[in-house]
């Protein structure tokens, strides 16, 4: 139990708690229902985007195909994240000339 500014006892409810709330990436009930219904009907929005992309590509309309490719890409390919390079690696370069002599650089 805690106390508010007036000194009145209050329950420790609300606020952030470990394991509480919707899990990251989880679909809402309505989103899941819409996705399930689309799959039952036989074609998903991603399939439509890919079909249009391929159709425009075959027609030679690269600009329109590119627009659909950009829309579909997040569903087909994961986003790249930045990575910190490990700079602790030491390397040396040894050059050997045409006479077989080593030249340190």
PDB file of N, CA and C in Angstrom:
ATOM      1  N   UNK A   1       0.837  -1.182   0.000  1.00  0.00           N
ATOM      2  CA  UNK A   1       0.000   0.000   0.000  1.00  0.00           C
ATOM      3  C   UNK A   1       0.877   1.238   0.000  1.00  0.00           C
ATOM      4  N   UNK A   2       0.398   2.214  -0.710  1.00  0.00           N
ATOM      5  CA  UNK A   2       1.098   3.480  -0.747  1.00  0.00           C
ATOM      6  C   UNK A   2       0.218   4.587  -0.197  1.00  0.00           C
ATOM      7  N   UNK A   3       0.678   5.799  -0.268  1.00  0.00           N
ATOM      8  CA  UNK A   3      -0.098   6.947   0.202  1.00  0.00           C
ATOM      9  C   UNK A   3      -0.057   8.018  -0.879  1.00  0.00           C
ATOM     10  N   UNK A   4      -1.168   8.742  -1.037  1.00  0.00           N
ATOM     11  CA  UNK A   4      -1.176   9.849  -1.988  1.00  0.00           C
ATOM     12  C   UNK A   4      -0.623  11.098  -1.307  1.00  0.00           C
ATOM     13  N   UNK A   5      -0.727  12.234  -1.948  1.00  0.00           N
ATOM     14  CA  UNK A   5      -0.144  13.459  -1.402  1.00  0.00           C
ATOM     15  C   UNK A   5      -0.830  13.925  -0.114  1.00  0.00           C
ATOM     16  N   UNK A   6      -2.081  13.518   0.088  1.00  0.00           N
ATOM     17  CA  UNK A   6      -2.810  13.913   1.296  1.00  0.00           C
ATOM     18  C   UNK A   6      -2.569  12.948   2.447  1.00  0.00           C
ATOM     19  N   UNK A   7      -1.786  11.901   2.209  1.00  0.00           N
ATOM     20  CA  UNK A   7      -1.516  10.944   3.251  1.00  0.00           C
ATOM     21  C   UNK A   7      -2.548   9.835   3.342  1.00  0.00           C
ATOM     22  N   UNK A   8      -3.490   9.816   2.398  1.00  0.00           N
ATOM     23  CA  UNK A   8      -4.519   8.786   2.395  1.00  0.00           C
ATOM     24  C   UNK A   8      -3.942   7.516   1.797  1.00  0.00           C
ATOM     25  N   UNK A   9      -4.254   6.379   2.439  1.00  0.00           N
ATOM     26  CA  UNK A   9      -3.759   5.101   1.932  1.00  0.00           C
ATOM     27  C   UNK A   9      -4.436   4.783   0.602  1.00  0.00           C
ATOM     28  N   UNK A  10      -3.635   4.304  -0.340  1.00  0.00           N
ATOM     29  CA  UNK A  10      -4.174   3.895  -1.636  1.00  0.00           C
ATOM     30  C   UNK A  10      -3.603   2.531  -1.993  1.00  0.00           C
ATOM     31  N   UNK A  11      -4.363   1.780  -2.776  1.00  0.00           N
ATOM     32  CA  UNK A  11      -3.889   0.476  -3.246  1.00  0.00           C
ATOM     33  C   UNK A  11      -2.844   0.677  -4.341  1.00  0.00           C
ATOM     34  N   UNK A  12      -1.915  -0.230  -4.399  1.00  0.00           N
ATOM     35  CA  UNK A  12      -0.916  -0.189  -5.463  1.00  0.00           C
ATOM     36  C   UNK A  12      -1.482  -0.873  -6.710  1.00  0.00           C
ATOM     37  N   UNK A  13      -2.358  -0.214  -7.387  1.00  0.00           N
ATOM     38  CA  UNK A  13      -2.957  -0.754  -8.606  1.00  0.00           C
ATOM     39  C   UNK A  13      -2.651   0.175  -9.758  1.00  0.00           C
ATOM     40  N   UNK A  14      -2.693  -0.394 -10.956  1.00  0.00           N
ATOM     41  CA  UNK A  14      -2.421   0.418 -12.130  1.00  0.00           C
ATOM     42  C   UNK A  14      -0.929   0.560 -12.354  1.00  0.00           C
ATOM     43  N   UNK A  15      -0.592   1.224 -13.394  1.00  0.00           N
ATOM     44  CA  UNK A  15       0.816   1.417 -13.721  1.00  0.00           C
ATOM     45  C   UNK A  15       1.408   0.205 -14.410  1.00  0.00           C
ATOM     46  N   UNK A  16       2.652   0.288 -14.726  1.00  0.00           N
ATOM     47  CA  UNK A  16       3.339  -0.785 -15.448  1.00  0.00           C
ATOM     48  C   UNK A  16       3.593  -1.971 -14.529  1.00  0.00           C
ATOM     49  N   UNK A  17       3.275  -3.159 -15.022  1.00  0.00           N
ATOM     50  CA  UNK A  17       3.542  -4.385 -14.290  1.00  0.00           C
ATOM     51  C   UNK A  17       4.170  -5.376 -15.255  1.00  0.00           C
ATOM     52  N   UNK A  18       5.067  -6.165 -14.756  1.00  0.00           N
ATOM     53  CA  UNK A  18       5.745  -7.150 -15.589  1.00  0.00           C
ATOM     54  C   UNK A  18       4.725  -8.134 -16.159  1.00  0.00           C
ATOM     55  N   UNK A  19       4.760  -8.334 -17.483  1.00  0.00           N
ATOM     56  CA  UNK A  19       3.882  -9.287 -18.146  1.00  0.00           C
ATOM     57  C   UNK A  19       2.496  -8.756 -18.460  1.00  0.00           C
ATOM     58  N   UNK A  20       2.211  -7.502 -18.097  1.00  0.00           N
ATOM     59  CA  UNK A  20       0.881  -6.946 -18.339  1.00  0.00           C
ATOM     60  C   UNK A  20       0.791  -6.349 -19.737  1.00  0.00           C
ATOM     61  N   UNK A  21      -0.413  -6.286 -20.249  1.00  0.00           N
ATOM     62  CA  UNK A  21      -0.650  -5.616 -21.528  1.00  0.00           C
ATOM     63  C   UNK A  21      -0.524  -6.537 -22.722  1.00  0.00           C
ATOM     64  N   UNK A  22      -0.838  -5.972 -23.877  1.00  0.00           N
ATOM     65  CA  UNK A  22      -0.785  -6.726 -25.125  1.00  0.00           C
ATOM     66  C   UNK A  22       0.671  -6.989 -25.500  1.00  0.00           C
ATOM     67  N   UNK A  23       0.930  -8.183 -25.941  1.00  0.00           N
ATOM     68  CA  UNK A  23       2.291  -8.544 -26.339  1.00  0.00           C
ATOM     69  C   UNK A  23       2.639  -7.858 -27.660  1.00  0.00           C
ATOM     70  N   UNK A  24       3.892  -7.440 -27.852  1.00  0.00           N
ATOM     71  CA  UNK A  24       4.289  -6.783 -29.090  1.00  0.00           C
ATOM     72  C   UNK A  24       4.008  -7.679 -30.298  1.00  0.00           C
ATOM     73  N   UNK A  25       3.392  -7.082 -31.310  1.00  0.00           N
ATOM     74  CA  UNK A  25       3.128  -7.813 -32.540  1.00  0.00           C
ATOM     75  C   UNK A  25       1.869  -8.654 -32.505  1.00  0.00           C
ATOM     76  N   UNK A  26       1.167  -8.669 -31.380  1.00  0.00           N
ATOM     77  CA  UNK A  26      -0.045  -9.494 -31.318  1.00  0.00           C
ATOM     78  C   UNK A  26      -1.178  -8.782 -32.048  1.00  0.00           C
ATOM     79  N   UNK A  27      -1.995  -9.555 -32.729  1.00  0.00           N
ATOM     80  CA  UNK A  27      -3.102  -9.000 -33.488  1.00  0.00           C
ATOM     81  C   UNK A  27      -4.303  -8.790 -32.579  1.00  0.00           C
ATOM     82  N   UNK A  28      -5.057  -7.745 -32.859  1.00  0.00           N
ATOM     83  CA  UNK A  28      -6.289  -7.545 -32.118  1.00  0.00           C
ATOM     84  C   UNK A  28      -7.302  -8.567 -32.597  1.00  0.00           C
ATOM     85  N   UNK A  29      -8.371  -8.723 -31.848  1.00  0.00           N
ATOM     86  CA  UNK A  29      -9.404  -9.705 -32.203  1.00  0.00           C
ATOM     87  C   UNK A  29      -9.987  -9.396 -33.580  1.00  0.00           C
ATOM     88  N   UNK A  30     -10.282  -8.115 -33.850  1.00  0.00           N
ATOM     89  CA  UNK A  30     -10.861  -7.736 -35.134  1.00  0.00           C
ATOM     90  C   UNK A  30      -9.872  -7.960 -36.272  1.00  0.00           C
ATOM     91  N   UNK A  31      -8.622  -7.587 -36.066  1.00  0.00           N
ATOM     92  CA  UNK A  31      -7.597  -7.794 -37.096  1.00  0.00           C
ATOM     93  C   UNK A  31      -7.460  -9.277 -37.426  1.00  0.00           C
ATOM     94  N   UNK A  32      -7.459 -10.112 -36.397  1.00  0.00           N
ATOM     95  CA  UNK A  32      -7.344 -11.557 -36.607  1.00  0.00           C
ATOM     96  C   UNK A  32      -8.550 -12.092 -37.377  1.00  0.00           C
ATOM     97  N   UNK A  33      -9.761 -11.606 -37.038  1.00  0.00           N
ATOM     98  CA  UNK A  33     -10.971 -12.038 -37.740  1.00  0.00           C
ATOM     99  C   UNK A  33     -10.927 -11.645 -39.213  1.00  0.00           C
ATOM    100  N   UNK A  34     -10.482 -10.431 -39.498  1.00  0.00           N
ATOM    101  CA  UNK A  34     -10.401  -9.962 -40.882  1.00  0.00           C
ATOM    102  C   UNK A  34      -9.392 -10.793 -41.661  1.00  0.00           C
ATOM    103  N   UNK A  35      -8.244 -11.058 -41.063  1.00  0.00           N
ATOM    104  CA  UNK A  35      -7.216 -11.854 -41.743  1.00  0.00           C
ATOM    105  C   UNK A  35      -7.705 -13.279 -41.988  1.00  0.00           C
ATOM    106  N   UNK A  36      -8.372 -13.861 -41.001  1.00  0.00           N
ATOM    107  CA  UNK A  36      -8.893 -15.221 -41.172  1.00  0.00           C
ATOM    108  C   UNK A  36      -9.946 -15.275 -42.269  1.00  0.00           C
ATOM    109  N   UNK A  37     -10.829 -14.284 -42.307  1.00  0.00           N
ATOM    110  CA  UNK A  37     -11.876 -14.255 -43.330  1.00  0.00           C
ATOM    111  C   UNK A  37     -11.266 -14.107 -44.728  1.00  0.00           C
ATOM    112  N   UNK A  38     -10.239 -13.265 -44.856  1.00  0.00           N
ATOM    113  CA  UNK A  38      -9.586 -13.078 -46.150  1.00  0.00           C
ATOM    114  C   UNK A  38      -8.942 -14.382 -46.622  1.00  0.00           C
ATOM    115  N   UNK A  39      -8.322 -15.104 -45.716  1.00  0.00           N
ATOM    116  CA  UNK A  39      -7.704 -16.376 -46.087  1.00  0.00           C
ATOM    117  C   UNK A  39      -8.744 -17.428 -46.459  1.00  0.00           C
ATOM    118  N   UNK A  40      -9.890 -17.424 -45.772  1.00  0.00           N
ATOM    119  CA  UNK A  40     -10.960 -18.364 -46.105  1.00  0.00           C
ATOM    120  C   UNK A  40     -11.543 -18.076 -47.487  1.00  0.00           C
ATOM    121  N   UNK A  41     -11.561 -16.794 -47.861  1.00  0.00           N
ATOM    122  CA  UNK A  41     -12.089 -16.423 -49.173  1.00  0.00           C
ATOM    123  C   UNK A  41     -11.097 -16.718 -50.277  1.00  0.00           C
ATOM    124  N   UNK A  42      -9.892 -17.077 -49.923  1.00  0.00           N
ATOM    125  CA  UNK A  42      -8.945 -17.574 -50.910  1.00  0.00           C
ATOM    126  C   UNK A  42      -7.862 -16.627 -51.354  1.00  0.00           C
ATOM    127  N   UNK A  43      -7.916 -15.367 -50.996  1.00  0.00           N
ATOM    128  CA  UNK A  43      -6.859 -14.459 -51.430  1.00  0.00           C
ATOM    129  C   UNK A  43      -6.611 -13.423 -50.333  1.00  0.00           C
ATOM    130  N   UNK A  44      -5.352 -13.182 -50.064  1.00  0.00           N
ATOM    131  CA  UNK A  44      -4.988 -12.217 -49.034  1.00  0.00           C
ATOM    132  C   UNK A  44      -4.563 -10.904 -49.695  1.00  0.00           C
ATOM    133  N   UNK A  45      -4.561  -9.817 -48.947  1.00  0.00           N
ATOM    134  CA  UNK A  45      -4.102  -8.552 -49.510  1.00  0.00           C
ATOM    135  C   UNK A  45      -2.668  -8.631 -50.054  1.00  0.00           C
ATOM    136  N   UNK A  46      -1.826  -9.404 -49.392  1.00  0.00           N
ATOM    137  CA  UNK A  46      -0.456  -9.564 -49.881  1.00  0.00           C
ATOM    138  C   UNK A  46      -0.454 -10.234 -51.247  1.00  0.00           C
ATOM    139  N   UNK A  47      -1.292 -11.243 -51.414  1.00  0.00           N
ATOM    140  CA  UNK A  47      -1.360 -11.925 -52.708  1.00  0.00           C
ATOM    141  C   UNK A  47      -1.827 -10.974 -53.804  1.00  0.00           C
ATOM    142  N   UNK A  48      -2.771 -10.088 -53.475  1.00  0.00           N
ATOM    143  CA  UNK A  48      -3.237  -9.100 -54.451  1.00  0.00           C
ATOM    144  C   UNK A  48      -2.088  -8.171 -54.850  1.00  0.00           C
ATOM    145  N   UNK A  49      -1.343  -7.690 -53.851  1.00  0.00           N
ATOM    146  CA  UNK A  49      -0.221  -6.790 -54.145  1.00  0.00           C
ATOM    147  C   UNK A  49       0.817  -7.479 -55.026  1.00  0.00           C
ATOM    148  N   UNK A  50       1.147  -8.727 -54.704  1.00  0.00           N
ATOM    149  CA  UNK A  50       2.142  -9.453 -55.489  1.00  0.00           C
ATOM    150  C   UNK A  50       1.637  -9.743 -56.892  1.00  0.00           C
ATOM    151  N   UNK A  51       0.348 -10.076 -57.027  1.00  0.00           N
ATOM    152  CA  UNK A  51      -0.224 -10.319 -58.349  1.00  0.00           C
ATOM    153  C   UNK A  51      -0.133  -9.061 -59.212  1.00  0.00           C
ATOM    154  N   UNK A  52      -0.536  -7.919 -58.642  1.00  0.00           N
ATOM    155  CA  UNK A  52      -0.480  -6.650 -59.384  1.00  0.00           C
ATOM    156  C   UNK A  52       0.954  -6.289 -59.751  1.00  0.00           C
ATOM    157  N   UNK A  53       1.865  -6.493 -58.809  1.00  0.00           N
ATOM    158  CA  UNK A  53       3.273  -6.196 -59.074  1.00  0.00           C
ATOM    159  C   UNK A  53       3.777  -7.012 -60.263  1.00  0.00           C
ATOM    160  N   UNK A  54       3.508  -8.318 -60.256  1.00  0.00           N
ATOM    161  CA  UNK A  54       3.973  -9.182 -61.350  1.00  0.00           C
ATOM    162  C   UNK A  54       3.301  -8.824 -62.670  1.00  0.00           C
ATOM    163  N   UNK A  55       2.017  -8.501 -62.610  1.00  0.00           N
ATOM    164  CA  UNK A  55       1.270  -8.152 -63.817  1.00  0.00           C
ATOM    165  C   UNK A  55       1.855  -6.893 -64.459  1.00  0.00           C
ATOM    166  N   UNK A  56       2.066  -5.860 -63.654  1.00  0.00           N
ATOM    167  CA  UNK A  56       2.659  -4.623 -64.189  1.00  0.00           C
ATOM    168  C   UNK A  56       4.075  -4.877 -64.699  1.00  0.00           C
ATOM    169  N   UNK A  57       4.820  -5.722 -63.998  1.00  0.00           N
ATOM    170  CA  UNK A  57       6.192  -6.028 -64.423  1.00  0.00           C
ATOM    171  C   UNK A  57       6.203  -6.687 -65.806  1.00  0.00           C
ATOM    172  N   UNK A  58       5.300  -7.643 -66.001  1.00  0.00           N
ATOM    173  CA  UNK A  58       5.225  -8.346 -67.288  1.00  0.00           C
ATOM    174  C   UNK A  58       4.778  -7.415 -68.418  1.00  0.00           C
ATOM    175  N   UNK A  59       3.966  -6.410 -68.091  1.00  0.00           N
ATOM    176  CA  UNK A  59       3.524  -5.427 -69.089  1.00  0.00           C
ATOM    177  C   UNK A  59       4.635  -4.433 -69.417  1.00  0.00           C
ATOM    178  N   UNK A  60       5.684  -4.419 -68.597  1.00  0.00           N
ATOM    179  CA  UNK A  60       6.780  -3.469 -68.801  1.00  0.00           C
ATOM    180  C   UNK A  60       6.587  -2.163 -68.059  1.00  0.00           C
ATOM    181  N   UNK A  61       5.547  -2.057 -67.248  1.00  0.00           N
ATOM    182  CA  UNK A  61       5.285  -0.844 -66.480  1.00  0.00           C
ATOM    183  C   UNK A  61       6.026  -0.946 -65.150  1.00  0.00           C
ATOM    184  N   UNK A  62       7.309  -0.606 -65.182  1.00  0.00           N
ATOM    185  CA  UNK A  62       8.185  -0.760 -64.014  1.00  0.00           C
ATOM    186  C   UNK A  62       7.814   0.179 -62.870  1.00  0.00           C
ATOM    187  N   UNK A  63       7.314   1.382 -63.190  1.00  0.00           N
ATOM    188  CA  UNK A  63       6.957   2.336 -62.132  1.00  0.00           C
ATOM    189  C   UNK A  63       5.817   1.799 -61.258  1.00  0.00           C
ATOM    190  N   UNK A  64       4.756   1.298 -61.894  1.00  0.00           N
ATOM    191  CA  UNK A  64       3.638   0.753 -61.130  1.00  0.00           C
ATOM    192  C   UNK A  64       4.051  -0.519 -60.390  1.00  0.00           C
ATOM    193  N   UNK A  65       4.852  -1.364 -61.039  1.00  0.00           N
ATOM    194  CA  UNK A  65       5.330  -2.584 -60.383  1.00  0.00           C
ATOM    195  C   UNK A  65       6.132  -2.222 -59.137  1.00  0.00           C
ATOM    196  N   UNK A  66       6.941  -1.173 -59.232  1.00  0.00           N
ATOM    197  CA  UNK A  66       7.741  -0.720 -58.098  1.00  0.00           C
ATOM    198  C   UNK A  66       6.887  -0.255 -56.936  1.00  0.00           C
ATOM    199  N   UNK A  67       5.766   0.416 -57.236  1.00  0.00           N
ATOM    200  CA  UNK A  67       4.869   0.884 -56.173  1.00  0.00           C
ATOM    201  C   UNK A  67       4.314  -0.303 -55.385  1.00  0.00           C
ATOM    202  N   UNK A  68       3.902  -1.346 -56.100  1.00  0.00           N
ATOM    203  CA  UNK A  68       3.368  -2.521 -55.424  1.00  0.00           C
ATOM    204  C   UNK A  68       4.474  -3.279 -54.685  1.00  0.00           C
ATOM    205  N   UNK A  69       5.677  -3.278 -55.234  1.00  0.00           N
ATOM    206  CA  UNK A  69       6.797  -3.943 -54.558  1.00  0.00           C
ATOM    207  C   UNK A  69       7.091  -3.270 -53.222  1.00  0.00           C
ATOM    208  N   UNK A  70       7.044  -1.939 -53.205  1.00  0.00           N
ATOM    209  CA  UNK A  70       7.285  -1.191 -51.963  1.00  0.00           C
ATOM    210  C   UNK A  70       6.207  -1.507 -50.932  1.00  0.00           C
ATOM    211  N   UNK A  71       4.951  -1.630 -51.385  1.00  0.00           N
ATOM    212  CA  UNK A  71       3.858  -1.946 -50.450  1.00  0.00           C
ATOM    213  C   UNK A  71       3.993  -3.361 -49.888  1.00  0.00           C
ATOM    214  N   UNK A  72       4.434  -4.303 -50.706  1.00  0.00           N
ATOM    215  CA  UNK A  72       4.501  -5.710 -50.284  1.00  0.00           C
ATOM    216  C   UNK A  72       5.770  -6.037 -49.501  1.00  0.00           C
ATOM    217  N   UNK A  73       6.823  -5.265 -49.681  1.00  0.00           N
ATOM    218  CA  UNK A  73       8.131  -5.584 -49.091  1.00  0.00           C
ATOM    219  C   UNK A  73       8.097  -5.808 -47.580  1.00  0.00           C
ATOM    220  N   UNK A  74       7.414  -4.973 -46.787  1.00  0.00           N
ATOM    221  CA  UNK A  74       7.435  -5.212 -45.335  1.00  0.00           C
ATOM    222  C   UNK A  74       6.847  -6.557 -44.926  1.00  0.00           C
ATOM    223  N   UNK A  75       5.991  -7.134 -45.752  1.00  0.00           N
ATOM    224  CA  UNK A  75       5.381  -8.417 -45.432  1.00  0.00           C
ATOM    225  C   UNK A  75       6.234  -9.594 -45.903  1.00  0.00           C
ATOM    226  N   UNK A  76       7.204  -9.314 -46.769  1.00  0.00           N
ATOM    227  CA  UNK A  76       8.026 -10.386 -47.348  1.00  0.00           C
ATOM    228  C   UNK A  76       9.443 -10.415 -46.789  1.00  0.00           C
ATOM    229  N   UNK A  77       9.960  -9.258 -46.392  1.00  0.00           N
ATOM    230  CA  UNK A  77      11.356  -9.159 -45.971  1.00  0.00           C
ATOM    231  C   UNK A  77      11.444  -8.477 -44.616  1.00  0.00           C
ATOM    232  N   UNK A  78      12.263  -8.997 -43.701  1.00  0.00           N
ATOM    233  CA  UNK A  78      12.417  -8.341 -42.403  1.00  0.00           C
ATOM    234  C   UNK A  78      13.192  -7.036 -42.541  1.00  0.00           C
ATOM    235  N   UNK A  79      12.922  -6.107 -41.649  1.00  0.00           N
ATOM    236  CA  UNK A  79      13.670  -4.849 -41.641  1.00  0.00           C
ATOM    237  C   UNK A  79      15.083  -5.102 -41.149  1.00  0.00           C
ATOM    238  N   UNK A  80      16.017  -4.412 -41.752  1.00  0.00           N
ATOM    239  CA  UNK A  80      17.405  -4.518 -41.302  1.00  0.00           C
ATOM    240  C   UNK A  80      17.596  -3.600 -40.108  1.00  0.00           C
ATOM    241  N   UNK A  81      18.366  -4.040 -39.147  1.00  0.00           N
ATOM    242  CA  UNK A  81      18.671  -3.206 -37.992  1.00  0.00           C
ATOM    243  C   UNK A  81      20.147  -2.823 -38.035  1.00  0.00           C
ATOM    244  N   UNK A  82      20.459  -1.735 -37.380  1.00  0.00           N
ATOM    245  CA  UNK A  82      21.852  -1.313 -37.366  1.00  0.00           C
ATOM    246  C   UNK A  82      22.645  -2.206 -36.418  1.00  0.00           C
ATOM    247  N   UNK A  83      23.885  -2.428 -36.759  1.00  0.00           N
ATOM    248  CA  UNK A  83      24.755  -3.289 -35.969  1.00  0.00           C
ATOM    249  C   UNK A  83      26.028  -2.516 -35.670  1.00  0.00           C
ATOM    250  N   UNK A  84      26.483  -2.597 -34.442  1.00  0.00           N
ATOM    251  CA  UNK A  84      27.731  -1.948 -34.063  1.00  0.00           C
ATOM    252  C   UNK A  84      28.894  -2.867 -34.447  1.00  0.00           C
ATOM    253  N   UNK A  85      29.826  -2.319 -35.184  1.00  0.00           N
ATOM    254  CA  UNK A  85      30.972  -3.108 -35.627  1.00  0.00           C
ATOM    255  C   UNK A  85      31.952  -3.305 -34.480  1.00  0.00           C
ATOM    256  N   UNK A  86      32.533  -4.483 -34.395  1.00  0.00           N
ATOM    257  CA  UNK A  86      33.548  -4.778 -33.396  1.00  0.00           C
ATOM    258  C   UNK A  86      34.880  -4.290 -33.943  1.00  0.00           C
ATOM    259  N   UNK A  87      35.440  -3.271 -33.332  1.00  0.00           N
ATOM    260  CA  UNK A  87      36.692  -2.691 -33.842  1.00  0.00           C
ATOM    261  C   UNK A  87      37.910  -3.159 -33.053  1.00  0.00           C
ATOM    262  N   UNK A  88      37.779  -4.233 -32.271  1.00  0.00           N
ATOM    263  CA  UNK A  88      38.894  -4.738 -31.477  1.00  0.00           C
ATOM    264  C   UNK A  88      39.819  -5.644 -32.287  1.00  0.00           C
ATOM    265  N   UNK A  89      39.482  -5.932 -33.508  1.00  0.00           N
ATOM    266  CA  UNK A  89      40.257  -6.862 -34.325  1.00  0.00           C
ATOM    267  C   UNK A  89      41.467  -6.141 -34.914  1.00  0.00           C
ATOM    268  N   UNK A  90      42.616  -6.732 -34.728  1.00  0.00           N
ATOM    269  CA  UNK A  90      43.860  -6.182 -35.265  1.00  0.00           C
ATOM    270  C   UNK A  90      44.274  -7.027 -36.471  1.00  0.00           C
ATOM    271  N   UNK A  91      44.720  -6.378 -37.515  1.00  0.00           N
ATOM    272  CA  UNK A  91      45.143  -7.099 -38.711  1.00  0.00           C
ATOM    273  C   UNK A  91      46.396  -6.439 -39.270  1.00  0.00           C
ATOM    274  N   UNK A  92      47.197  -7.222 -39.921  1.00  0.00           N
ATOM    275  CA  UNK A  92      48.373  -6.668 -40.595  1.00  0.00           C
ATOM    276  C   UNK A  92      48.348  -7.142 -42.038  1.00  0.00           C
ATOM    277  N   UNK A  93      48.951  -6.353 -42.894  1.00  0.00           N
ATOM    278  CA  UNK A  93      48.971  -6.661 -44.308  1.00  0.00           C
ATOM    279  C   UNK A  93      50.413  -6.923 -44.720  1.00  0.00           C
ATOM    280  N   UNK A  94      50.636  -8.052 -45.339  1.00  0.00           N
ATOM    281  CA  UNK A  94      51.968  -8.387 -45.838  1.00  0.00           C
ATOM    282  C   UNK A  94      51.866  -8.500 -47.351  1.00  0.00           C
ATOM    283  N   UNK A  95      52.674  -7.726 -48.026  1.00  0.00           N
ATOM    284  CA  UNK A  95      52.675  -7.737 -49.491  1.00  0.00           C
ATOM    285  C   UNK A  95      53.935  -8.460 -49.954  1.00  0.00           C
ATOM    286  N   UNK A  96      53.749  -9.347 -50.891  1.00  0.00           N
ATOM    287  CA  UNK A  96      54.893 -10.062 -51.466  1.00  0.00           C
ATOM    288  C   UNK A  96      55.047  -9.580 -52.900  1.00  0.00           C
ATOM    289  N   UNK A  97      56.252  -9.042 -53.208  1.00  0.00           N
ATOM    290  CA  UNK A  97      56.453  -8.552 -54.576  1.00  0.00           C
ATOM    291  C   UNK A  97      56.768  -9.704 -55.523  1.00  0.00           C
ATOM    292  N   UNK A  98      56.977  -9.388 -56.782  1.00  0.00           N
ATOM    293  CA  UNK A  98      57.180 -10.431 -57.780  1.00  0.00           C
ATOM    294  C   UNK A  98      58.455 -11.233 -57.580  1.00  0.00           C
ATOM    295  N   UNK A  99      59.378 -10.750 -56.741  1.00  0.00           N
ATOM    296  CA  UNK A  99      60.626 -11.457 -56.483  1.00  0.00           C
ATOM    297  C   UNK A  99      60.517 -12.349 -55.234  1.00  0.00           C
ATOM    298  N   UNK A 100      59.325 -12.334 -54.566  1.00  0.00           N
ATOM    299  CA  UNK A 100      59.131 -13.163 -53.389  1.00  0.00           C
ATOM    300  C   UNK A 100      59.555 -12.472 -52.100  1.00  0.00           C
ATOM    301  N   UNK A 101      59.940 -11.192 -52.185  1.00  0.00           N
ATOM    302  CA  UNK A 101      60.332 -10.450 -50.981  1.00  0.00           C
ATOM    303  C   UNK A 101      59.088  -9.932 -50.264  1.00  0.00           C
ATOM    304  N   UNK A 102      59.079 -10.076 -48.945  1.00  0.00           N
ATOM    305  CA  UNK A 102      57.962  -9.557 -48.150  1.00  0.00           C
ATOM    306  C   UNK A 102      58.165  -8.075 -47.901  1.00  0.00           C
ATOM    307  N   UNK A 103      57.086  -7.315 -48.044  1.00  0.00           N
ATOM    308  CA  UNK A 103      57.118  -5.874 -47.794  1.00  0.00           C
ATOM    309  C   UNK A 103      56.071  -5.582 -46.750  1.00  0.00           C
ATOM    310  N   UNK A 104      56.532  -5.103 -45.567  1.00  0.00           N
ATOM    311  CA  UNK A 104      55.594  -4.744 -44.509  1.00  0.00           C
ATOM    312  C   UNK A 104      55.042  -3.355 -44.787  1.00  0.00           C
ATOM    313  N   UNK A 105      53.726  -3.258 -44.638  1.00  0.00           N
ATOM    314  CA  UNK A 105      53.079  -1.946 -44.860  1.00  0.00           C
ATOM    315  C   UNK A 105      52.464  -1.488 -43.564  1.00  0.00           C
TER     316      UNK A 105
END
